[in-house]
Amino acid sequence: MQLERSGVTAADGVRLNVEVTGPADAPVTVLLVHGWTCSTRSWHNQVEALPHILGPDAVRVVTYDHRGHGRSDAAPAGTTRLDQLADDLVTVLDEVVGDGPVVYAGHSMGGMTLMAAAEQYPELFGSRIRAAALVSTTSGHLTEGALGIPERFDPAAARIAPRVLNRVGQRADRHAEARTRRPADAPAGTSSHPSTARRVARLAANLQRPALRRVVFGKKPDPTEVDLFMADLAVVPGASYGGFFETMLEHDRGHALKVLDELPVEIMHGTRDRLLPPRHANRIAAQLPTARLWIYPGAGHMLMQERPRDVSHRLASLARKVTA
């Protein structure tokens, strides 16, 4: 099906890139919301597959780039926050999606955006958003076990991680420069874990493409999908790396999941997700016991790119439920 690319303007004037396939009068819209440093392209498999699974006239698929990502405008200072992304979501719902039933699929930061919306706009759920998929995401405590750091170092990692991941996110042509810079001193309060600071700084300094692939993807990823991720990462403005990561560190919205209690919800996670280990999916499942939990052996953080058929069929199943 032909993809239509347009845009909407958020309340603060930021232009958001929006991409749509399928008829405006389709009985259900599947809204695909990407993660940190990604873009609409991370969902390309589902954009293509859903009309084939459900029928070209049976579904409308909408994706959009978060501010500071992909083809959207850069995020102005002070707007790299999850509550701002929830506001942007409402803009897309109002201006593009309309009033019909919506299946929301959020990957990583996109899943956190849904939780921020559940906290700020609970009236959307059940009336407009009728089902949800939470893919490789978390309800809080982002740094627990992240990047392979032992759990006992989680508090120190939470303080150090923004600096590390800012460096990791630099464009490819800055890698050599980043490797030659001496890591900055650890922030106040981290001296009790100097080995953690050294370990994380060393990770940042050495994180080139092969290592980044191992952190982000699971076993034997498709090189084309890795290329796509790297290309998306390279165009994210520097301010978005640290700004959005810091707001994700503050994310703690397990309480907001109660809003989804009566909706069909699918939780999907890979066993080899090193950015958000499977314990995050297990916590969401405990907080939202009405949801179904799917764990994919060998898959990493980019589940919709690594297990595209499985994710597409889970989304199709949700679409069928809300139109039954």
C-alpha atoms as a PDB file:
ATOM      1  CA  MET A   1       0.000   0.000   0.000  1.00  0.00           C
ATOM      2  CA  GLN A   2       1.123   3.540  -0.670  1.00  0.00           C
ATOM      3  CA  LEU A   3       2.583   5.470   2.235  1.00  0.00           C
ATOM      4  CA  GLU A   4       1.460   9.059   2.703  1.00  0.00           C
ATOM      5  CA  ARG A   5       3.872  11.342   4.519  1.00  0.00           C
ATOM      6  CA  SER A   6       2.617  14.564   6.076  1.00  0.00           C
ATOM      7  CA  GLY A   7       2.958  16.302   9.395  1.00  0.00           C
ATOM      8  CA  VAL A   8       1.206  17.916  12.318  1.00  0.00           C
ATOM      9  CA  THR A   9       2.236  20.878  14.418  1.00  0.00           C
ATOM     10  CA  ALA A  10       2.377  20.515  18.189  1.00  0.00           C
ATOM     11  CA  ALA A  11       1.097  23.285  20.452  1.00  0.00           C
ATOM     12  CA  ASP A  12       4.600  24.740  20.803  1.00  0.00           C
ATOM     13  CA  GLY A  13       5.152  24.878  17.041  1.00  0.00           C
ATOM     14  CA  VAL A  14       7.256  21.727  16.628  1.00  0.00           C
ATOM     15  CA  ARG A  15       6.461  19.929  13.371  1.00  0.00           C
ATOM     16  CA  LEU A  16       6.063  16.165  13.743  1.00  0.00           C
ATOM     17  CA  ASN A  17       6.543  13.856  10.790  1.00  0.00           C
ATOM     18  CA  VAL A  18       3.554  11.521  10.335  1.00  0.00           C
ATOM     19  CA  GLU A  19       3.252   8.584   7.927  1.00  0.00           C
ATOM     20  CA  VAL A  20      -0.021   6.857   7.072  1.00  0.00           C
ATOM     21  CA  THR A  21      -1.062   3.823   5.059  1.00  0.00           C
ATOM     22  CA  GLY A  22      -4.593   2.559   4.564  1.00  0.00           C
ATOM     23  CA  PRO A  23      -7.999   4.206   4.186  1.00  0.00           C
ATOM     24  CA  ALA A  24      -9.217   6.920   6.540  1.00  0.00           C
ATOM     25  CA  ASP A  25     -12.452   4.978   7.091  1.00  0.00           C
ATOM     26  CA  ALA A  26     -10.749   1.715   8.106  1.00  0.00           C
ATOM     27  CA  PRO A  27     -12.445   0.068  11.109  1.00  0.00           C
ATOM     28  CA  VAL A  28      -9.278   0.287  13.231  1.00  0.00           C
ATOM     29  CA  THR A  29      -6.071   2.302  13.322  1.00  0.00           C
ATOM     30  CA  VAL A  30      -2.832   0.771  14.530  1.00  0.00           C
ATOM     31  CA  LEU A  31      -0.621   3.548  15.885  1.00  0.00           C
ATOM     32  CA  LEU A  32       3.061   2.599  16.005  1.00  0.00           C
ATOM     33  CA  VAL A  33       5.268   4.719  18.278  1.00  0.00           C
ATOM     34  CA  HIS A  34       9.035   4.243  18.170  1.00  0.00           C
ATOM     35  CA  GLY A  35      11.732   4.283  20.821  1.00  0.00           C
ATOM     36  CA  TRP A  36      14.652   6.482  21.819  1.00  0.00           C
ATOM     37  CA  THR A  37      17.075   7.297  18.945  1.00  0.00           C
ATOM     38  CA  CYS A  38      14.866   5.415  16.457  1.00  0.00           C
ATOM     39  CA  SER A  39      12.293   6.586  13.897  1.00  0.00           C
ATOM     40  CA  THR A  40       9.175   5.445  12.077  1.00  0.00           C
ATOM     41  CA  ARG A  41      11.436   3.159  10.048  1.00  0.00           C
ATOM     42  CA  SER A  42      11.923   0.815  12.996  1.00  0.00           C
ATOM     43  CA  TRP A  43       8.300  -0.292  12.377  1.00  0.00           C
ATOM     44  CA  HIS A  44       8.689  -0.787   8.615  1.00  0.00           C
ATOM     45  CA  ASN A  45       8.011  -4.526   8.835  1.00  0.00           C
ATOM     46  CA  GLN A  46       4.695  -3.992  10.607  1.00  0.00           C
ATOM     47  CA  VAL A  47       3.662  -1.143   8.290  1.00  0.00           C
ATOM     48  CA  GLU A  48       4.041  -3.560   5.392  1.00  0.00           C
ATOM     49  CA  ALA A  49       2.681  -6.684   7.079  1.00  0.00           C
ATOM     50  CA  LEU A  50      -0.494  -5.492   8.808  1.00  0.00           C
ATOM     51  CA  PRO A  51      -2.477  -4.687   5.641  1.00  0.00           C
ATOM     52  CA  HIS A  52      -1.525  -8.117   4.255  1.00  0.00           C
ATOM     53  CA  ILE A  53      -2.600  -9.914   7.430  1.00  0.00           C
ATOM     54  CA  LEU A  54      -5.825  -8.005   8.050  1.00  0.00           C
ATOM     55  CA  GLY A  55      -6.703  -6.867   4.531  1.00  0.00           C
ATOM     56  CA  PRO A  56      -5.852  -3.555   2.832  1.00  0.00           C
ATOM     57  CA  ASP A  57      -9.197  -1.964   3.688  1.00  0.00           C
ATOM     58  CA  ALA A  58      -9.376  -3.385   7.206  1.00  0.00           C
ATOM     59  CA  VAL A  59      -6.645  -1.348   8.892  1.00  0.00           C
ATOM     60  CA  ARG A  60      -5.067   2.070   8.841  1.00  0.00           C
ATOM     61  CA  VAL A  61      -1.465   2.193  10.045  1.00  0.00           C
ATOM     62  CA  VAL A  62      -0.095   5.449  11.434  1.00  0.00           C
ATOM     63  CA  THR A  63       3.479   6.094  12.542  1.00  0.00           C
ATOM     64  CA  TYR A  64       5.162   9.315  13.565  1.00  0.00           C
ATOM     65  CA  ASP A  65       8.590  10.530  14.628  1.00  0.00           C
ATOM     66  CA  HIS A  66       8.999  11.890  18.126  1.00  0.00           C
ATOM     67  CA  ARG A  67      10.302  15.433  18.307  1.00  0.00           C
ATOM     68  CA  GLY A  68      14.078  15.373  18.003  1.00  0.00           C
ATOM     69  CA  HIS A  69      13.981  12.132  15.997  1.00  0.00           C
ATOM     70  CA  GLY A  70      13.737  11.065  12.359  1.00  0.00           C
ATOM     71  CA  ARG A  71      12.092  13.650  10.101  1.00  0.00           C
ATOM     72  CA  SER A  72      10.483  15.637  12.916  1.00  0.00           C
ATOM     73  CA  ASP A  73      11.765  19.002  14.107  1.00  0.00           C
ATOM     74  CA  ALA A  74      14.379  19.174  16.814  1.00  0.00           C
ATOM     75  CA  ALA A  75      13.099  19.273  20.384  1.00  0.00           C
ATOM     76  CA  PRO A  76      13.421  22.793  21.825  1.00  0.00           C
ATOM     77  CA  ALA A  77      15.174  23.191  25.146  1.00  0.00           C
ATOM     78  CA  GLY A  78      13.013  22.022  28.006  1.00  0.00           C
ATOM     79  CA  THR A  79      10.776  19.764  25.892  1.00  0.00           C
ATOM     80  CA  THR A  80      12.719  16.492  26.036  1.00  0.00           C
ATOM     81  CA  ARG A  81      10.235  15.091  28.536  1.00  0.00           C
ATOM     82  CA  LEU A  82       7.866  12.145  28.525  1.00  0.00           C
ATOM     83  CA  ASP A  83       4.922  14.341  29.469  1.00  0.00           C
ATOM     84  CA  GLN A  84       5.666  16.429  26.365  1.00  0.00           C
ATOM     85  CA  LEU A  85       5.675  13.255  24.267  1.00  0.00           C
ATOM     86  CA  ALA A  86       2.265  12.423  25.754  1.00  0.00           C
ATOM     87  CA  ASP A  87       1.034  15.846  24.613  1.00  0.00           C
ATOM     88  CA  ASP A  88       2.462  15.182  21.141  1.00  0.00           C
ATOM     89  CA  LEU A  89       0.619  11.860  21.082  1.00  0.00           C
ATOM     90  CA  VAL A  90      -2.673  13.632  21.760  1.00  0.00           C
ATOM     91  CA  THR A  91      -1.924  16.020  18.878  1.00  0.00           C
ATOM     92  CA  VAL A  92      -1.422  13.076  16.522  1.00  0.00           C
ATOM     93  CA  LEU A  93      -4.606  11.406  17.770  1.00  0.00           C
ATOM     94  CA  ASP A  94      -6.640  14.577  17.285  1.00  0.00           C
ATOM     95  CA  GLU A  95      -5.163  15.753  13.999  1.00  0.00           C
ATOM     96  CA  VAL A  96      -4.497  12.487  12.168  1.00  0.00           C
ATOM     97  CA  VAL A  97      -6.023   9.415  13.781  1.00  0.00           C
ATOM     98  CA  GLY A  98      -9.511  10.708  14.539  1.00  0.00           C
ATOM     99  CA  ASP A  99     -12.177   9.166  16.742  1.00  0.00           C
ATOM    100  CA  GLY A 100     -12.119   5.537  15.606  1.00  0.00           C
ATOM    101  CA  PRO A 101     -10.698   2.687  17.709  1.00  0.00           C
ATOM    102  CA  VAL A 102      -6.930   2.653  18.115  1.00  0.00           C
ATOM    103  CA  VAL A 103      -4.450  -0.126  18.841  1.00  0.00           C
ATOM    104  CA  TYR A 104      -1.382   1.568  20.308  1.00  0.00           C
ATOM    105  CA  ALA A 105       1.990  -0.137  19.962  1.00  0.00           C
ATOM    106  CA  GLY A 106       4.870   1.484  21.819  1.00  0.00           C
ATOM    107  CA  HIS A 107       8.488   0.374  21.652  1.00  0.00           C
ATOM    108  CA  SER A 108      10.825   1.322  24.506  1.00  0.00           C
ATOM    109  CA  MET A 109      10.362   5.111  24.942  1.00  0.00           C
ATOM    110  CA  GLY A 110       7.159   4.750  22.916  1.00  0.00           C
ATOM    111  CA  GLY A 111       5.805   2.433  25.609  1.00  0.00           C
ATOM    112  CA  MET A 112       6.792   4.954  28.270  1.00  0.00           C
ATOM    113  CA  THR A 113       4.957   7.619  26.264  1.00  0.00           C
ATOM    114  CA  LEU A 114       1.793   5.536  26.541  1.00  0.00           C
ATOM    115  CA  MET A 115       2.217   5.320  30.320  1.00  0.00           C
ATOM    116  CA  ALA A 116       2.733   9.084  30.529  1.00  0.00           C
ATOM    117  CA  ALA A 117      -0.466   9.522  28.509  1.00  0.00           C
ATOM    118  CA  ALA A 118      -2.290   7.094  30.813  1.00  0.00           C
ATOM    119  CA  GLU A 119      -1.214   9.242  33.753  1.00  0.00           C
ATOM    120  CA  GLN A 120      -2.130  12.580  32.132  1.00  0.00           C
ATOM    121  CA  TYR A 121      -5.064  11.631  29.915  1.00  0.00           C
ATOM    122  CA  PRO A 122      -6.780   8.544  31.370  1.00  0.00           C
ATOM    123  CA  GLU A 123      -9.983   9.436  29.505  1.00  0.00           C
ATOM    124  CA  LEU A 124      -8.334   8.358  26.232  1.00  0.00           C
ATOM    125  CA  PHE A 125      -8.259   4.717  27.289  1.00  0.00           C
ATOM    126  CA  GLY A 126     -11.265   2.614  26.491  1.00  0.00           C
ATOM    127  CA  SER A 127     -12.862   5.418  24.502  1.00  0.00           C
ATOM    128  CA  ARG A 128     -10.195   5.915  21.819  1.00  0.00           C
ATOM    129  CA  ILE A 129      -7.229   3.711  22.654  1.00  0.00           C
ATOM    130  CA  ARG A 130      -8.859   0.272  22.838  1.00  0.00           C
ATOM    131  CA  ALA A 131      -5.809  -2.003  23.038  1.00  0.00           C
ATOM    132  CA  ALA A 132      -2.063  -1.724  23.528  1.00  0.00           C
ATOM    133  CA  ALA A 133       1.209  -3.509  22.879  1.00  0.00           C
ATOM    134  CA  LEU A 134       4.147  -2.735  25.160  1.00  0.00           C
ATOM    135  CA  VAL A 135       7.300  -3.760  23.316  1.00  0.00           C
ATOM    136  CA  SER A 136      10.717  -3.876  24.996  1.00  0.00           C
ATOM    137  CA  THR A 137       9.764  -1.192  27.489  1.00  0.00           C
ATOM    138  CA  THR A 138       9.651  -0.462  31.213  1.00  0.00           C
ATOM    139  CA  SER A 139       7.377   1.071  33.812  1.00  0.00           C
ATOM    140  CA  GLY A 140      10.368   2.513  35.699  1.00  0.00           C
ATOM    141  CA  HIS A 141      13.809   1.923  37.237  1.00  0.00           C
ATOM    142  CA  LEU A 142      15.376   2.122  33.791  1.00  0.00           C
ATOM    143  CA  THR A 143      18.964   1.340  34.728  1.00  0.00           C
ATOM    144  CA  GLU A 144      18.306  -1.916  36.593  1.00  0.00           C
ATOM    145  CA  GLY A 145      20.686  -4.376  34.986  1.00  0.00           C
ATOM    146  CA  ALA A 146      21.172  -2.180  31.919  1.00  0.00           C
ATOM    147  CA  LEU A 147      24.280  -2.607  29.745  1.00  0.00           C
ATOM    148  CA  GLY A 148      25.262  -5.715  31.680  1.00  0.00           C
ATOM    149  CA  ILE A 149      26.199  -3.750  34.811  1.00  0.00           C
ATOM    150  CA  PRO A 150      25.756  -5.840  38.000  1.00  0.00           C
ATOM    151  CA  GLU A 151      22.576  -5.057  39.921  1.00  0.00           C
ATOM    152  CA  ARG A 152      24.463  -3.866  43.005  1.00  0.00           C
ATOM    153  CA  PHE A 153      25.811  -0.961  40.940  1.00  0.00           C
ATOM    154  CA  ASP A 154      22.370   0.227  39.761  1.00  0.00           C
ATOM    155  CA  PRO A 155      22.356   3.464  41.847  1.00  0.00           C
ATOM    156  CA  ALA A 156      25.764   4.527  40.537  1.00  0.00           C
ATOM    157  CA  ALA A 157      24.808   3.515  36.996  1.00  0.00           C
ATOM    158  CA  ALA A 158      21.743   5.750  37.174  1.00  0.00           C
ATOM    159  CA  ARG A 159      23.973   8.734  37.857  1.00  0.00           C
ATOM    160  CA  ILE A 160      26.628   7.865  35.296  1.00  0.00           C
ATOM    161  CA  ALA A 161      24.468   6.498  32.469  1.00  0.00           C
ATOM    162  CA  PRO A 162      23.311   9.822  30.956  1.00  0.00           C
ATOM    163  CA  ARG A 163      26.920  10.843  30.346  1.00  0.00           C
ATOM    164  CA  VAL A 164      27.751   7.433  28.917  1.00  0.00           C
ATOM    165  CA  LEU A 165      24.781   7.253  26.591  1.00  0.00           C
ATOM    166  CA  ASN A 166      25.298  10.791  25.381  1.00  0.00           C
ATOM    167  CA  ARG A 167      28.679   9.668  24.156  1.00  0.00           C
ATOM    168  CA  VAL A 168      27.364   6.414  22.721  1.00  0.00           C
ATOM    169  CA  GLY A 169      24.832   8.377  20.700  1.00  0.00           C
ATOM    170  CA  GLN A 170      27.336  10.596  18.913  1.00  0.00           C
ATOM    171  CA  ARG A 171      27.318  10.483  15.152  1.00  0.00           C
ATOM    172  CA  ALA A 172      29.607   8.048  13.398  1.00  0.00           C
ATOM    173  CA  ASP A 173      32.053  10.742  12.319  1.00  0.00           C
ATOM    174  CA  ARG A 174      32.589  11.681  16.000  1.00  0.00           C
ATOM    175  CA  HIS A 175      33.502   8.205  17.212  1.00  0.00           C
ATOM    176  CA  ALA A 176      37.230   8.670  16.767  1.00  0.00           C
ATOM    177  CA  GLU A 177      37.144  11.981  18.611  1.00  0.00           C
ATOM    178  CA  ALA A 178      35.072  10.482  21.422  1.00  0.00           C
ATOM    179  CA  ARG A 179      37.537   7.645  21.866  1.00  0.00           C
ATOM    180  CA  THR A 180      40.424  10.079  22.328  1.00  0.00           C
ATOM    181  CA  ARG A 181      38.713  12.268  24.932  1.00  0.00           C
ATOM    182  CA  ARG A 182      39.443  11.613  28.577  1.00  0.00           C
ATOM    183  CA  PRO A 183      36.211  10.688  30.405  1.00  0.00           C
ATOM    184  CA  ALA A 184      34.890  13.435  32.655  1.00  0.00           C
ATOM    185  CA  ASP A 185      35.121  12.975  36.415  1.00  0.00           C
ATOM    186  CA  ALA A 186      32.251  11.098  37.994  1.00  0.00           C
ATOM    187  CA  PRO A 187      29.518  13.248  39.518  1.00  0.00           C
ATOM    188  CA  ALA A 188      29.414  13.926  43.231  1.00  0.00           C
ATOM    189  CA  GLY A 189      28.326  10.930  45.229  1.00  0.00           C
ATOM    190  CA  THR A 190      29.722   8.257  42.897  1.00  0.00           C
ATOM    191  CA  SER A 191      33.162   7.896  44.477  1.00  0.00           C
ATOM    192  CA  SER A 192      32.026   4.875  46.461  1.00  0.00           C
ATOM    193  CA  HIS A 193      31.780   2.951  43.171  1.00  0.00           C
ATOM    194  CA  PRO A 194      34.907   3.976  41.204  1.00  0.00           C
ATOM    195  CA  SER A 195      35.038   0.612  39.450  1.00  0.00           C
ATOM    196  CA  THR A 196      31.544   1.222  38.068  1.00  0.00           C
ATOM    197  CA  ALA A 197      32.566   4.614  36.702  1.00  0.00           C
ATOM    198  CA  ARG A 198      35.637   3.112  35.036  1.00  0.00           C
ATOM    199  CA  ARG A 199      33.643   0.241  33.614  1.00  0.00           C
ATOM    200  CA  VAL A 200      30.954   2.467  32.160  1.00  0.00           C
ATOM    201  CA  ALA A 201      33.447   5.024  30.828  1.00  0.00           C
ATOM    202  CA  ARG A 202      35.421   2.229  29.171  1.00  0.00           C
ATOM    203  CA  LEU A 203      32.216   0.889  27.620  1.00  0.00           C
ATOM    204  CA  ALA A 204      31.415   4.324  26.199  1.00  0.00           C
ATOM    205  CA  ALA A 205      34.925   4.769  24.827  1.00  0.00           C
ATOM    206  CA  ASN A 206      35.002   1.394  23.101  1.00  0.00           C
ATOM    207  CA  LEU A 207      31.426   1.176  21.869  1.00  0.00           C
ATOM    208  CA  GLN A 208      31.786   0.946  18.104  1.00  0.00           C
ATOM    209  CA  ARG A 209      29.363  -0.646  15.688  1.00  0.00           C
ATOM    210  CA  PRO A 210      29.966  -4.338  16.576  1.00  0.00           C
ATOM    211  CA  ALA A 211      29.611  -3.658  20.293  1.00  0.00           C
ATOM    212  CA  LEU A 212      26.608  -1.405  19.786  1.00  0.00           C
ATOM    213  CA  ARG A 213      24.989  -4.142  17.713  1.00  0.00           C
ATOM    214  CA  ARG A 214      25.503  -6.607  20.558  1.00  0.00           C
ATOM    215  CA  VAL A 215      23.984  -4.206  23.087  1.00  0.00           C
ATOM    216  CA  VAL A 216      20.937  -3.288  21.009  1.00  0.00           C
ATOM    217  CA  PHE A 217      20.238  -6.495  19.069  1.00  0.00           C
ATOM    218  CA  GLY A 218      20.050 -10.161  20.011  1.00  0.00           C
ATOM    219  CA  LYS A 219      21.489 -13.198  18.242  1.00  0.00           C
ATOM    220  CA  LYS A 220      22.276 -13.005  14.516  1.00  0.00           C
ATOM    221  CA  PRO A 221      20.424  -9.809  13.587  1.00  0.00           C
ATOM    222  CA  ASP A 222      19.706  -8.973   9.974  1.00  0.00           C
ATOM    223  CA  PRO A 223      22.527  -6.593   8.910  1.00  0.00           C
ATOM    224  CA  THR A 224      19.988  -4.482   7.024  1.00  0.00           C
ATOM    225  CA  GLU A 225      18.068  -3.886  10.240  1.00  0.00           C
ATOM    226  CA  VAL A 226      21.289  -2.969  12.041  1.00  0.00           C
ATOM    227  CA  ASP A 227      22.101  -0.492   9.266  1.00  0.00           C
ATOM    228  CA  LEU A 228      18.668   1.066   9.623  1.00  0.00           C
ATOM    229  CA  PHE A 229      19.098   1.505  13.371  1.00  0.00           C
ATOM    230  CA  MET A 230      22.551   3.022  12.958  1.00  0.00           C
ATOM    231  CA  ALA A 231      21.269   5.466  10.340  1.00  0.00           C
ATOM    232  CA  ASP A 232      18.441   6.605  12.628  1.00  0.00           C
ATOM    233  CA  LEU A 233      20.842   6.986  15.541  1.00  0.00           C
ATOM    234  CA  ALA A 234      23.188   9.135  13.480  1.00  0.00           C
ATOM    235  CA  VAL A 235      20.634  11.866  12.747  1.00  0.00           C
ATOM    236  CA  VAL A 236      19.260  12.402  16.258  1.00  0.00           C
ATOM    237  CA  PRO A 237      20.403  15.842  17.500  1.00  0.00           C
ATOM    238  CA  GLY A 238      22.862  15.641  20.367  1.00  0.00           C
ATOM    239  CA  ALA A 239      20.513  17.392  22.803  1.00  0.00           C
ATOM    240  CA  SER A 240      17.914  14.668  22.321  1.00  0.00           C
ATOM    241  CA  TYR A 241      20.245  11.881  23.472  1.00  0.00           C
ATOM    242  CA  GLY A 242      20.812  13.167  26.964  1.00  0.00           C
ATOM    243  CA  GLY A 243      17.540  15.048  27.351  1.00  0.00           C
ATOM    244  CA  PHE A 244      15.275  12.122  26.577  1.00  0.00           C
ATOM    245  CA  PHE A 245      17.461   9.669  28.452  1.00  0.00           C
ATOM    246  CA  GLU A 246      17.277  11.813  31.571  1.00  0.00           C
ATOM    247  CA  THR A 247      13.475  11.929  31.417  1.00  0.00           C
ATOM    248  CA  MET A 248      13.411   8.152  31.010  1.00  0.00           C
ATOM    249  CA  LEU A 249      15.572   7.832  34.124  1.00  0.00           C
ATOM    250  CA  GLU A 250      12.873   9.718  36.018  1.00  0.00           C
ATOM    251  CA  HIS A 251      10.100   7.549  34.538  1.00  0.00           C
ATOM    252  CA  ASP A 252       8.218   5.619  37.230  1.00  0.00           C
ATOM    253  CA  ARG A 253       4.633   5.061  36.130  1.00  0.00           C
ATOM    254  CA  GLY A 254       3.657   1.568  37.147  1.00  0.00           C
ATOM    255  CA  HIS A 255       0.645   3.101  38.883  1.00  0.00           C
ATOM    256  CA  ALA A 256      -0.608   4.456  35.535  1.00  0.00           C
ATOM    257  CA  LEU A 257      -0.912   0.948  34.103  1.00  0.00           C
ATOM    258  CA  LYS A 258      -4.154   0.509  36.055  1.00  0.00           C
ATOM    259  CA  VAL A 259      -5.813   2.644  33.362  1.00  0.00           C
ATOM    260  CA  LEU A 260      -5.136  -0.199  30.911  1.00  0.00           C
ATOM    261  CA  ASP A 261      -6.580  -2.851  33.210  1.00  0.00           C
ATOM    262  CA  GLU A 262      -9.711  -3.519  31.154  1.00  0.00           C
ATOM    263  CA  LEU A 263      -8.047  -3.307  27.723  1.00  0.00           C
ATOM    264  CA  PRO A 264      -6.418  -6.114  25.745  1.00  0.00           C
ATOM    265  CA  VAL A 265      -2.681  -5.634  26.320  1.00  0.00           C
ATOM    266  CA  GLU A 266       0.256  -7.627  24.977  1.00  0.00           C
ATOM    267  CA  ILE A 267       3.687  -7.315  26.597  1.00  0.00           C
ATOM    268  CA  MET A 268       6.567  -8.416  24.361  1.00  0.00           C
ATOM    269  CA  HIS A 269      10.230  -8.695  25.318  1.00  0.00           C
ATOM    270  CA  GLY A 270      13.402 -10.471  24.230  1.00  0.00           C
ATOM    271  CA  THR A 271      15.548 -12.598  26.523  1.00  0.00           C
ATOM    272  CA  ARG A 272      18.735 -10.942  25.229  1.00  0.00           C
ATOM    273  CA  ASP A 273      17.574  -7.353  25.668  1.00  0.00           C
ATOM    274  CA  ARG A 274      20.635  -5.762  27.275  1.00  0.00           C
ATOM    275  CA  LEU A 275      19.211  -2.244  27.383  1.00  0.00           C
ATOM    276  CA  LEU A 276      16.085  -3.256  29.271  1.00  0.00           C
ATOM    277  CA  PRO A 277      16.495  -6.804  30.602  1.00  0.00           C
ATOM    278  CA  PRO A 278      13.398  -9.065  30.791  1.00  0.00           C
ATOM    279  CA  ARG A 279      12.858  -8.179  34.465  1.00  0.00           C
ATOM    280  CA  HIS A 280      11.227  -4.974  33.170  1.00  0.00           C
ATOM    281  CA  ALA A 281       8.624  -6.967  31.246  1.00  0.00           C
ATOM    282  CA  ASN A 282       8.023  -9.183  34.263  1.00  0.00           C
ATOM    283  CA  ARG A 283       7.431  -6.124  36.436  1.00  0.00           C
ATOM    284  CA  ILE A 284       4.881  -4.713  33.979  1.00  0.00           C
ATOM    285  CA  ALA A 285       3.128  -8.079  33.881  1.00  0.00           C
ATOM    286  CA  ALA A 286       2.922  -8.083  37.682  1.00  0.00           C
ATOM    287  CA  GLN A 287       1.582  -4.526  37.706  1.00  0.00           C
ATOM    288  CA  LEU A 288      -0.913  -5.303  34.940  1.00  0.00           C
ATOM    289  CA  PRO A 289      -2.004  -8.916  35.551  1.00  0.00           C
ATOM    290  CA  THR A 290      -4.732  -8.791  32.877  1.00  0.00           C
ATOM    291  CA  ALA A 291      -2.071  -8.433  30.165  1.00  0.00           C
ATOM    292  CA  ARG A 292      -0.466 -11.299  28.247  1.00  0.00           C
ATOM    293  CA  LEU A 293       3.320 -11.630  28.408  1.00  0.00           C
ATOM    294  CA  TRP A 294       5.344 -12.936  25.456  1.00  0.00           C
ATOM    295  CA  ILE A 295       9.066 -13.626  25.867  1.00  0.00           C
ATOM    296  CA  TYR A 296      11.177 -14.244  22.752  1.00  0.00           C
ATOM    297  CA  PRO A 297      14.345 -16.336  23.239  1.00  0.00           C
ATOM    298  CA  GLY A 298      17.453 -14.848  21.670  1.00  0.00           C
ATOM    299  CA  ALA A 299      15.855 -11.529  20.744  1.00  0.00           C
ATOM    300  CA  GLY A 300      17.303  -8.193  21.798  1.00  0.00           C
ATOM    301  CA  HIS A 301      15.883  -4.724  22.301  1.00  0.00           C
ATOM    302  CA  MET A 302      14.718  -4.132  18.709  1.00  0.00           C
ATOM    303  CA  LEU A 303      12.050  -6.796  18.861  1.00  0.00           C
ATOM    304  CA  MET A 304       9.875  -5.526  16.001  1.00  0.00           C
ATOM    305  CA  GLN A 305      12.926  -5.688  13.718  1.00  0.00           C
ATOM    306  CA  GLU A 306      14.220  -8.994  15.066  1.00  0.00           C
ATOM    307  CA  ARG A 307      10.901 -10.867  15.335  1.00  0.00           C
ATOM    308  CA  PRO A 308       8.837  -8.955  12.783  1.00  0.00           C
ATOM    309  CA  ARG A 309       6.366 -11.739  12.008  1.00  0.00           C
ATOM    310  CA  ASP A 310       5.582 -12.410  15.673  1.00  0.00           C
ATOM    311  CA  VAL A 311       5.115  -8.731  16.508  1.00  0.00           C
ATOM    312  CA  SER A 312       2.961  -8.141  13.427  1.00  0.00           C
ATOM    313  CA  HIS A 313       0.663 -11.053  14.248  1.00  0.00           C
ATOM    314  CA  ARG A 314       0.314  -9.940  17.884  1.00  0.00           C
ATOM    315  CA  LEU A 315      -0.744  -6.489  16.675  1.00  0.00           C
ATOM    316  CA  ALA A 316      -3.151  -8.012  14.165  1.00  0.00           C
ATOM    317  CA  SER A 317      -4.686 -10.074  16.952  1.00  0.00           C
ATOM    318  CA  LEU A 318      -5.279  -6.913  18.993  1.00  0.00           C
ATOM    319  CA  ALA A 319      -6.832  -5.202  15.969  1.00  0.00           C
ATOM    320  CA  ARG A 320      -9.233  -8.084  15.512  1.00  0.00           C
ATOM    321  CA  LYS A 321     -10.248  -7.924  19.173  1.00  0.00           C
ATOM    322  CA  VAL A 322     -11.208  -4.260  19.061  1.00  0.00           C
ATOM    323  CA  THR A 323     -13.263  -4.692  15.879  1.00  0.00           C
ATOM    324  CA  ALA A 324     -14.994  -7.930  16.851  1.00  0.00           C
END
